[in-house]
Amino acid sequence: MTNNDLLRRLRYALNLNGETIAGLCALGGHDIKPIDVLKLLKKEEEPGFAACDDQFLRNFIRGLTLGDRSS
């Protein structure tokens, strides 16, 4: 399973959209535009695909935990 697969599964499980994922990443310390998040959610064979690196995934998960604490 790749980081992109994990990000896609978390997106579906938590019912998140690109803007929400970008906001959570900002909470975790990584600024990204929602349009760039959509590139990470594409499948590898689709045009415009971008690989999700470990640092992005760590910041996203950190943002999830920080966002959960603030609500």
N, C-alpha and C. Protein backbone atom coordinates (compact mmCIF):
# COMPACT_ATOMS: atom_id res chain seq x y z
N MET A 1 0.85 -1.17 0.00
CA MET A 1 0.00 0.00 0.00
C MET A 1 0.90 1.24 0.00
N THR A 2 0.60 2.17 -0.88
CA THR A 2 1.39 3.40 -0.97
C THR A 2 0.76 4.48 -0.08
N ASN A 3 1.51 5.56 0.09
CA ASN A 3 0.98 6.70 0.84
C ASN A 3 -0.27 7.26 0.18
N ASN A 4 -0.31 7.26 -1.15
CA ASN A 4 -1.48 7.76 -1.86
C ASN A 4 -2.70 6.90 -1.55
N ASP A 5 -2.51 5.57 -1.52
CA ASP A 5 -3.63 4.68 -1.19
C ASP A 5 -4.15 4.97 0.22
N LEU A 6 -3.24 5.14 1.15
CA LEU A 6 -3.63 5.43 2.53
C LEU A 6 -4.38 6.75 2.63
N LEU A 7 -3.89 7.77 1.95
CA LEU A 7 -4.55 9.07 1.95
C LEU A 7 -5.95 8.96 1.36
N ARG A 8 -6.08 8.22 0.24
CA ARG A 8 -7.39 8.01 -0.38
C ARG A 8 -8.36 7.30 0.57
N ARG A 9 -7.88 6.28 1.26
CA ARG A 9 -8.74 5.52 2.17
C ARG A 9 -9.16 6.37 3.37
N LEU A 10 -8.24 7.17 3.90
CA LEU A 10 -8.60 8.06 5.00
C LEU A 10 -9.62 9.11 4.54
N ARG A 11 -9.45 9.59 3.33
CA ARG A 11 -10.39 10.57 2.79
C ARG A 11 -11.80 10.00 2.75
N TYR A 12 -11.94 8.77 2.24
CA TYR A 12 -13.26 8.16 2.16
C TYR A 12 -13.81 7.79 3.53
N ALA A 13 -12.96 7.27 4.40
CA ALA A 13 -13.40 6.84 5.72
C ALA A 13 -13.88 8.03 6.57
N LEU A 14 -13.20 9.16 6.43
CA LEU A 14 -13.54 10.34 7.24
C LEU A 14 -14.41 11.34 6.49
N ASN A 15 -14.76 11.01 5.23
CA ASN A 15 -15.61 11.87 4.40
C ASN A 15 -15.03 13.28 4.28
N LEU A 16 -13.78 13.38 3.82
CA LEU A 16 -13.08 14.65 3.70
C LEU A 16 -13.03 15.09 2.24
N ASN A 17 -12.97 16.39 2.02
CA ASN A 17 -12.77 16.91 0.66
C ASN A 17 -11.38 17.56 0.59
N GLY A 18 -11.01 18.03 -0.58
CA GLY A 18 -9.69 18.61 -0.79
C GLY A 18 -9.39 19.80 0.10
N GLU A 19 -10.37 20.66 0.29
CA GLU A 19 -10.17 21.84 1.14
C GLU A 19 -9.95 21.45 2.60
N THR A 20 -10.70 20.47 3.06
CA THR A 20 -10.55 20.01 4.44
C THR A 20 -9.18 19.37 4.65
N ILE A 21 -8.74 18.57 3.70
CA ILE A 21 -7.43 17.94 3.81
C ILE A 21 -6.34 19.01 3.82
N ALA A 22 -6.47 20.03 2.95
CA ALA A 22 -5.49 21.12 2.93
C ALA A 22 -5.48 21.86 4.26
N GLY A 23 -6.65 22.08 4.87
CA GLY A 23 -6.72 22.74 6.17
C GLY A 23 -6.08 21.92 7.27
N LEU A 24 -6.30 20.60 7.23
CA LEU A 24 -5.68 19.73 8.23
C LEU A 24 -4.17 19.71 8.08
N CYS A 25 -3.71 19.74 6.84
CA CYS A 25 -2.26 19.78 6.60
C CYS A 25 -1.67 21.08 7.12
N ALA A 26 -2.39 22.17 6.96
CA ALA A 26 -1.92 23.46 7.48
C ALA A 26 -1.80 23.40 9.00
N LEU A 27 -2.77 22.75 9.66
CA LEU A 27 -2.68 22.57 11.11
C LEU A 27 -1.44 21.77 11.50
N GLY A 28 -1.09 20.80 10.64
CA GLY A 28 0.07 19.96 10.90
C GLY A 28 1.38 20.59 10.50
N GLY A 29 1.34 21.77 9.87
CA GLY A 29 2.57 22.47 9.53
C GLY A 29 3.00 22.37 8.08
N HIS A 30 2.09 21.99 7.19
CA HIS A 30 2.43 21.85 5.76
C HIS A 30 1.37 22.57 4.94
N ASP A 31 1.73 23.70 4.33
CA ASP A 31 0.78 24.44 3.50
C ASP A 31 0.70 23.81 2.13
N ILE A 32 -0.52 23.55 1.68
CA ILE A 32 -0.75 22.97 0.36
C ILE A 32 -2.08 23.50 -0.15
N LYS A 33 -2.17 23.70 -1.44
CA LYS A 33 -3.41 24.18 -2.05
C LYS A 33 -4.34 22.99 -2.28
N PRO A 34 -5.65 23.21 -2.18
CA PRO A 34 -6.61 22.12 -2.41
C PRO A 34 -6.44 21.47 -3.79
N ILE A 35 -6.07 22.22 -4.80
CA ILE A 35 -5.89 21.64 -6.14
C ILE A 35 -4.72 20.65 -6.14
N ASP A 36 -3.69 20.92 -5.33
CA ASP A 36 -2.56 20.01 -5.23
C ASP A 36 -2.93 18.75 -4.45
N VAL A 37 -3.87 18.87 -3.52
CA VAL A 37 -4.35 17.70 -2.79
C VAL A 37 -5.04 16.75 -3.75
N LEU A 38 -5.80 17.30 -4.69
CA LEU A 38 -6.51 16.46 -5.66
C LEU A 38 -5.54 15.65 -6.51
N LYS A 39 -4.36 16.19 -6.77
CA LYS A 39 -3.34 15.45 -7.52
C LYS A 39 -2.86 14.24 -6.73
N LEU A 40 -2.82 14.37 -5.41
CA LEU A 40 -2.39 13.27 -4.56
C LEU A 40 -3.45 12.17 -4.47
N LEU A 41 -4.70 12.54 -4.70
CA LEU A 41 -5.80 11.58 -4.59
C LEU A 41 -6.05 10.81 -5.87
N LYS A 42 -5.39 11.20 -6.96
CA LYS A 42 -5.56 10.49 -8.23
C LYS A 42 -4.82 9.16 -8.20
N LYS A 43 -5.25 8.26 -9.06
CA LYS A 43 -4.55 6.98 -9.21
C LYS A 43 -3.31 7.19 -10.06
N GLU A 44 -2.36 6.31 -9.92
CA GLU A 44 -1.06 6.46 -10.56
C GLU A 44 -1.15 6.56 -12.08
N GLU A 45 -2.10 5.87 -12.67
CA GLU A 45 -2.21 5.88 -14.13
C GLU A 45 -2.97 7.09 -14.68
N GLU A 46 -3.55 7.90 -13.81
CA GLU A 46 -4.28 9.09 -14.26
C GLU A 46 -3.33 10.25 -14.53
N PRO A 47 -3.67 11.07 -15.52
CA PRO A 47 -2.83 12.26 -15.76
C PRO A 47 -2.92 13.24 -14.59
N GLY A 48 -1.81 13.85 -14.26
CA GLY A 48 -1.78 14.82 -13.16
C GLY A 48 -1.50 14.19 -11.81
N PHE A 49 -1.21 12.88 -11.78
CA PHE A 49 -0.91 12.18 -10.53
C PHE A 49 0.35 12.76 -9.89
N ALA A 50 0.33 12.89 -8.57
CA ALA A 50 1.51 13.29 -7.81
C ALA A 50 1.69 12.31 -6.65
N ALA A 51 2.91 11.90 -6.41
CA ALA A 51 3.19 10.95 -5.33
C ALA A 51 3.12 11.67 -3.98
N CYS A 52 2.54 11.00 -3.01
CA CYS A 52 2.42 11.53 -1.65
C CYS A 52 3.65 11.08 -0.87
N ASP A 53 4.43 12.04 -0.41
CA ASP A 53 5.64 11.66 0.33
C ASP A 53 5.33 11.47 1.82
N ASP A 54 6.29 10.89 2.52
CA ASP A 54 6.11 10.57 3.93
C ASP A 54 5.86 11.81 4.78
N GLN A 55 6.58 12.89 4.49
CA GLN A 55 6.44 14.12 5.27
C GLN A 55 5.02 14.69 5.16
N PHE A 56 4.45 14.67 3.96
CA PHE A 56 3.08 15.17 3.78
C PHE A 56 2.12 14.33 4.61
N LEU A 57 2.25 13.02 4.54
CA LEU A 57 1.35 12.13 5.27
C LEU A 57 1.48 12.34 6.77
N ARG A 58 2.70 12.51 7.26
CA ARG A 58 2.91 12.78 8.69
C ARG A 58 2.22 14.07 9.10
N ASN A 59 2.37 15.12 8.30
CA ASN A 59 1.74 16.40 8.63
C ASN A 59 0.22 16.31 8.57
N PHE A 60 -0.30 15.54 7.62
CA PHE A 60 -1.75 15.35 7.53
C PHE A 60 -2.27 14.65 8.78
N ILE A 61 -1.60 13.60 9.21
CA ILE A 61 -2.04 12.86 10.40
C ILE A 61 -1.88 13.73 11.65
N ARG A 62 -0.81 14.52 11.71
CA ARG A 62 -0.65 15.45 12.83
C ARG A 62 -1.80 16.46 12.84
N GLY A 63 -2.18 16.96 11.68
CA GLY A 63 -3.31 17.89 11.59
C GLY A 63 -4.61 17.24 12.00
N LEU A 64 -4.80 15.97 11.66
CA LEU A 64 -6.00 15.24 12.09
C LEU A 64 -6.08 15.19 13.61
N THR A 65 -4.97 14.87 14.25
CA THR A 65 -4.98 14.75 15.70
C THR A 65 -5.16 16.12 16.37
N LEU A 66 -4.50 17.14 15.83
CA LEU A 66 -4.66 18.48 16.40
C LEU A 66 -6.06 19.02 16.17
N GLY A 67 -6.62 18.77 15.00
CA GLY A 67 -7.98 19.21 14.70
C GLY A 67 -9.00 18.52 15.58
N ASP A 68 -8.77 17.26 15.91
CA ASP A 68 -9.68 16.50 16.76
C ASP A 68 -9.65 17.04 18.18
N ARG A 69 -8.49 17.48 18.64
CA ARG A 69 -8.37 18.01 20.00
C ARG A 69 -9.05 19.36 20.15
N SER A 70 -9.05 20.15 19.07
CA SER A 70 -9.60 21.50 19.17
C SER A 70 -11.12 21.52 19.08
N SER A 71 -11.74 20.44 18.64
CA SER A 71 -13.21 20.45 18.51
C SER A 71 -13.89 19.90 19.74
